[in-house]
C-alpha atoms as a PDB file:
ATOM      1  CA  UNK A   1      84.293 102.630 100.030  1.00  0.00           C
ATOM      2  CA  UNK A   2      80.912 101.056 100.610  1.00  0.00           C
ATOM      3  CA  UNK A   3      81.231  97.450 101.741  1.00  0.00           C
ATOM      4  CA  UNK A   4      78.238  95.364 100.646  1.00  0.00           C
ATOM      5  CA  UNK A   5      77.509  91.617 100.560  1.00  0.00           C
ATOM      6  CA  UNK A   6      78.438  90.016  97.227  1.00  0.00           C
ATOM      7  CA  UNK A   7      74.766  89.352  96.377  1.00  0.00           C
ATOM      8  CA  UNK A   8      73.553  92.862  97.215  1.00  0.00           C
ATOM      9  CA  UNK A   9      72.042  94.961  94.375  1.00  0.00           C
ATOM     10  CA  UNK A  10      74.816  97.558  94.846  1.00  0.00           C
ATOM     11  CA  UNK A  11      77.583  94.943  94.498  1.00  0.00           C
ATOM     12  CA  UNK A  12      77.689  95.269  90.721  1.00  0.00           C
ATOM     13  CA  UNK A  13      77.573  99.053  90.515  1.00  0.00           C
ATOM     14  CA  UNK A  14      80.573 101.199  89.575  1.00  0.00           C
ATOM     15  CA  UNK A  15      79.900 103.760  92.314  1.00  0.00           C
ATOM     16  CA  UNK A  16      77.239 104.789  94.806  1.00  0.00           C
ATOM     17  CA  UNK A  17      76.132 108.068  96.396  1.00  0.00           C
ATOM     18  CA  UNK A  18      75.567 108.730 100.074  1.00  0.00           C
ATOM     19  CA  UNK A  19      71.927 109.427  99.207  1.00  0.00           C
ATOM     20  CA  UNK A  20      71.548 105.895  97.837  1.00  0.00           C
ATOM     21  CA  UNK A  21      73.434 104.379 100.776  1.00  0.00           C
ATOM     22  CA  UNK A  22      71.159 106.170 103.250  1.00  0.00           C
ATOM     23  CA  UNK A  23      68.314 103.863 102.167  1.00  0.00           C
ATOM     24  CA  UNK A  24      70.205 100.814 103.471  1.00  0.00           C
ATOM     25  CA  UNK A  25      70.646  99.543 107.044  1.00  0.00           C
ATOM     26  CA  UNK A  26      74.183 100.152 108.318  1.00  0.00           C
ATOM     27  CA  UNK A  27      76.568  98.119 110.399  1.00  0.00           C
ATOM     28  CA  UNK A  28      78.580 100.851 112.100  1.00  0.00           C
ATOM     29  CA  UNK A  29      81.726 101.239 114.113  1.00  0.00           C
ATOM     30  CA  UNK A  30      81.689 102.363 117.720  1.00  0.00           C
ATOM     31  CA  UNK A  31      80.520 105.994 118.121  1.00  0.00           C
ATOM     32  CA  UNK A  32      83.869 106.919 119.704  1.00  0.00           C
ATOM     33  CA  UNK A  33      85.927 105.901 116.654  1.00  0.00           C
ATOM     34  CA  UNK A  34      87.308 108.584 114.345  1.00  0.00           C
ATOM     35  CA  UNK A  35      86.071 106.580 111.358  1.00  0.00           C
ATOM     36  CA  UNK A  36      82.541 106.846 112.739  1.00  0.00           C
ATOM     37  CA  UNK A  37      82.863 110.591 113.359  1.00  0.00           C
ATOM     38  CA  UNK A  38      83.916 111.147 109.755  1.00  0.00           C
ATOM     39  CA  UNK A  39      81.063 109.013 108.423  1.00  0.00           C
ATOM     40  CA  UNK A  40      78.534 110.829 110.624  1.00  0.00           C
ATOM     41  CA  UNK A  41      79.853 114.194 109.409  1.00  0.00           C
ATOM     42  CA  UNK A  42      79.663 113.157 105.749  1.00  0.00           C
ATOM     43  CA  UNK A  43      76.008 112.149 106.053  1.00  0.00           C
ATOM     44  CA  UNK A  44      75.154 115.262 108.086  1.00  0.00           C
ATOM     45  CA  UNK A  45      76.876 117.525 105.532  1.00  0.00           C
ATOM     46  CA  UNK A  46      74.753 115.924 102.811  1.00  0.00           C
ATOM     47  CA  UNK A  47      71.596 116.473 104.900  1.00  0.00           C
ATOM     48  CA  UNK A  48      71.055 112.727 105.215  1.00  0.00           C
ATOM     49  CA  UNK A  49      70.382 110.311 108.035  1.00  0.00           C
ATOM     50  CA  UNK A  50      70.924 106.576 107.991  1.00  0.00           C
ATOM     51  CA  UNK A  51      69.446 103.666 109.904  1.00  0.00           C
ATOM     52  CA  UNK A  52      72.040 101.928 112.018  1.00  0.00           C
ATOM     53  CA  UNK A  53      71.227  98.244 112.473  1.00  0.00           C
ATOM     54  CA  UNK A  54      74.047  97.688 114.968  1.00  0.00           C
ATOM     55  CA  UNK A  55      77.319  99.109 116.250  1.00  0.00           C
ATOM     56  CA  UNK A  56      80.466  97.095 116.853  1.00  0.00           C
ATOM     57  CA  UNK A  57      83.993  97.850 118.020  1.00  0.00           C
ATOM     58  CA  UNK A  58      85.832  95.382 115.803  1.00  0.00           C
ATOM     59  CA  UNK A  59      86.477  95.604 112.052  1.00  0.00           C
ATOM     60  CA  UNK A  60      86.441  91.840 111.554  1.00  0.00           C
ATOM     61  CA  UNK A  61      83.037  91.513 113.225  1.00  0.00           C
ATOM     62  CA  UNK A  62      81.686  94.513 111.313  1.00  0.00           C
ATOM     63  CA  UNK A  63      82.705  92.995 107.981  1.00  0.00           C
ATOM     64  CA  UNK A  64      81.392  89.556 108.965  1.00  0.00           C
ATOM     65  CA  UNK A  65      78.002  91.138 109.739  1.00  0.00           C
ATOM     66  CA  UNK A  66      78.018  92.868 106.346  1.00  0.00           C
ATOM     67  CA  UNK A  67      78.892  89.572 104.647  1.00  0.00           C
ATOM     68  CA  UNK A  68      76.008  87.926 106.509  1.00  0.00           C
ATOM     69  CA  UNK A  69      73.619  90.542 105.112  1.00  0.00           C
ATOM     70  CA  UNK A  70      72.802  92.451 108.302  1.00  0.00           C
ATOM     71  CA  UNK A  71      73.592  95.742 106.569  1.00  0.00           C
ATOM     72  CA  UNK A  72      76.228  97.655 104.660  1.00  0.00           C
ATOM     73  CA  UNK A  73      79.153  99.731 105.912  1.00  0.00           C
ATOM     74  CA  UNK A  74      81.650 102.361 104.893  1.00  0.00           C
ATOM     75  CA  UNK A  75      85.056 100.795 105.384  1.00  0.00           C
ATOM     76  CA  UNK A  76      88.661 101.538 104.497  1.00  0.00           C
ATOM     77  CA  UNK A  77      89.929  99.149 101.800  1.00  0.00           C
ATOM     78  CA  UNK A  78      92.850  98.230 104.056  1.00  0.00           C
ATOM     79  CA  UNK A  79      90.443  96.723 106.602  1.00  0.00           C
ATOM     80  CA  UNK A  80      88.517  94.785 104.003  1.00  0.00           C
ATOM     81  CA  UNK A  81      91.640  93.435 102.338  1.00  0.00           C
ATOM     82  CA  UNK A  82      92.931  92.142 105.649  1.00  0.00           C
ATOM     83  CA  UNK A  83      89.979  89.787 106.138  1.00  0.00           C
ATOM     84  CA  UNK A  84      88.305  89.183 102.782  1.00  0.00           C
ATOM     85  CA  UNK A  85      90.378  86.175 101.710  1.00  0.00           C
ATOM     86  CA  UNK A  86      89.259  84.284 104.811  1.00  0.00           C
ATOM     87  CA  UNK A  87      85.609  84.805 103.908  1.00  0.00           C
ATOM     88  CA  UNK A  88      85.750  83.451 100.382  1.00  0.00           C
ATOM     89  CA  UNK A  89      85.376  87.020  99.098  1.00  0.00           C
ATOM     90  CA  UNK A  90      81.681  87.373  99.963  1.00  0.00           C
ATOM     91  CA  UNK A  91      82.107  91.125 100.143  1.00  0.00           C
ATOM     92  CA  UNK A  92      82.262  93.804  97.459  1.00  0.00           C
ATOM     93  CA  UNK A  93      83.659  97.320  97.698  1.00  0.00           C
ATOM     94  CA  UNK A  94      81.839 100.065  95.821  1.00  0.00           C
ATOM     95  CA  UNK A  95      83.486 103.504  95.470  1.00  0.00           C
ATOM     96  CA  UNK A  96      81.613 106.549  96.747  1.00  0.00           C
ATOM     97  CA  UNK A  97      80.446 109.065  94.156  1.00  0.00           C
ATOM     98  CA  UNK A  98      80.193 112.740  95.041  1.00  0.00           C
ATOM     99  CA  UNK A  99      81.693 112.383  98.515  1.00  0.00           C
ATOM    100  CA  UNK A 100      85.092 111.733 100.003  1.00  0.00           C
ATOM    101  CA  UNK A 101      85.641 110.480 103.500  1.00  0.00           C
ATOM    102  CA  UNK A 102      89.305 110.814 104.294  1.00  0.00           C
ATOM    103  CA  UNK A 103      91.160 108.583 106.674  1.00  0.00           C
ATOM    104  CA  UNK A 104      94.272 109.880 108.352  1.00  0.00           C
ATOM    105  CA  UNK A 105      97.105 107.587 109.376  1.00  0.00           C
ATOM    106  CA  UNK A 106     100.003 108.772 111.503  1.00  0.00           C
ATOM    107  CA  UNK A 107     103.275 107.251 112.593  1.00  0.00           C
ATOM    108  CA  UNK A 108     104.569 108.894 115.754  1.00  0.00           C
ATOM    109  CA  UNK A 109     108.170 108.846 116.936  1.00  0.00           C
ATOM    110  CA  UNK A 110     109.653 110.338 120.122  1.00  0.00           C
ATOM    111  CA  UNK A 111     110.653 113.997 119.727  1.00  0.00           C
ATOM    112  CA  UNK A 112     114.357 114.625 119.399  1.00  0.00           C
ATOM    113  CA  UNK A 113     115.263 111.023 118.636  1.00  0.00           C
ATOM    114  CA  UNK A 114     116.265 109.689 115.257  1.00  0.00           C
ATOM    115  CA  UNK A 115     114.240 106.752 114.034  1.00  0.00           C
ATOM    116  CA  UNK A 116     116.027 103.436 114.384  1.00  0.00           C
ATOM    117  CA  UNK A 117     116.678 101.353 111.269  1.00  0.00           C
ATOM    118  CA  UNK A 118     113.831  99.047 112.336  1.00  0.00           C
ATOM    119  CA  UNK A 119     111.436 101.991 112.758  1.00  0.00           C
ATOM    120  CA  UNK A 120     112.419 103.316 109.315  1.00  0.00           C
ATOM    121  CA  UNK A 121     111.760  99.894 107.766  1.00  0.00           C
ATOM    122  CA  UNK A 122     108.364  99.673 109.459  1.00  0.00           C
ATOM    123  CA  UNK A 123     107.475 103.211 108.325  1.00  0.00           C
ATOM    124  CA  UNK A 124     108.536 102.377 104.768  1.00  0.00           C
ATOM    125  CA  UNK A 125     106.485  99.169 104.807  1.00  0.00           C
ATOM    126  CA  UNK A 126     103.384 100.930 106.175  1.00  0.00           C
ATOM    127  CA  UNK A 127     103.622 103.705 103.578  1.00  0.00           C
ATOM    128  CA  UNK A 128     104.026 101.201 100.736  1.00  0.00           C
ATOM    129  CA  UNK A 129     101.163  99.016 101.978  1.00  0.00           C
ATOM    130  CA  UNK A 130      98.879 102.040 102.338  1.00  0.00           C
ATOM    131  CA  UNK A 131      99.665 103.142  98.775  1.00  0.00           C
ATOM    132  CA  UNK A 132      98.920  99.597  97.540  1.00  0.00           C
ATOM    133  CA  UNK A 133      95.588  99.512  99.400  1.00  0.00           C
ATOM    134  CA  UNK A 134      94.530 102.828  97.905  1.00  0.00           C
ATOM    135  CA  UNK A 135      95.617 101.755  94.412  1.00  0.00           C
ATOM    136  CA  UNK A 136      93.705  98.454  94.731  1.00  0.00           C
ATOM    137  CA  UNK A 137      90.563 100.308  95.741  1.00  0.00           C
END
């Protein structure tokens, strides 16, 4: 999902292509993050480059900079939903058209040990919340 400030021209669109996004300045995650690697690969696969206005290693700061109009970002809906209420919803999510950037989540348990009831409840909660985030997007 493209995260854009509420007043941005893309905020009212139903979807946006990577080609269109490449014309905008980006607020990006740290180059070592998997999210960043996947975004870089998606633009490279499309033969596009983007201008990175700044790089940060914190989702909250990244989204605050987008809200402030420093640039746009590609962000998982789960990250946006976690902070958007605090901001007065000054951020809009626009679905990508013609490209998918997958995000992989994993829950790891020790080999050979059964998950405790608490671990099963946490896993169930995380799976349900992830499904809700995807459905909301």
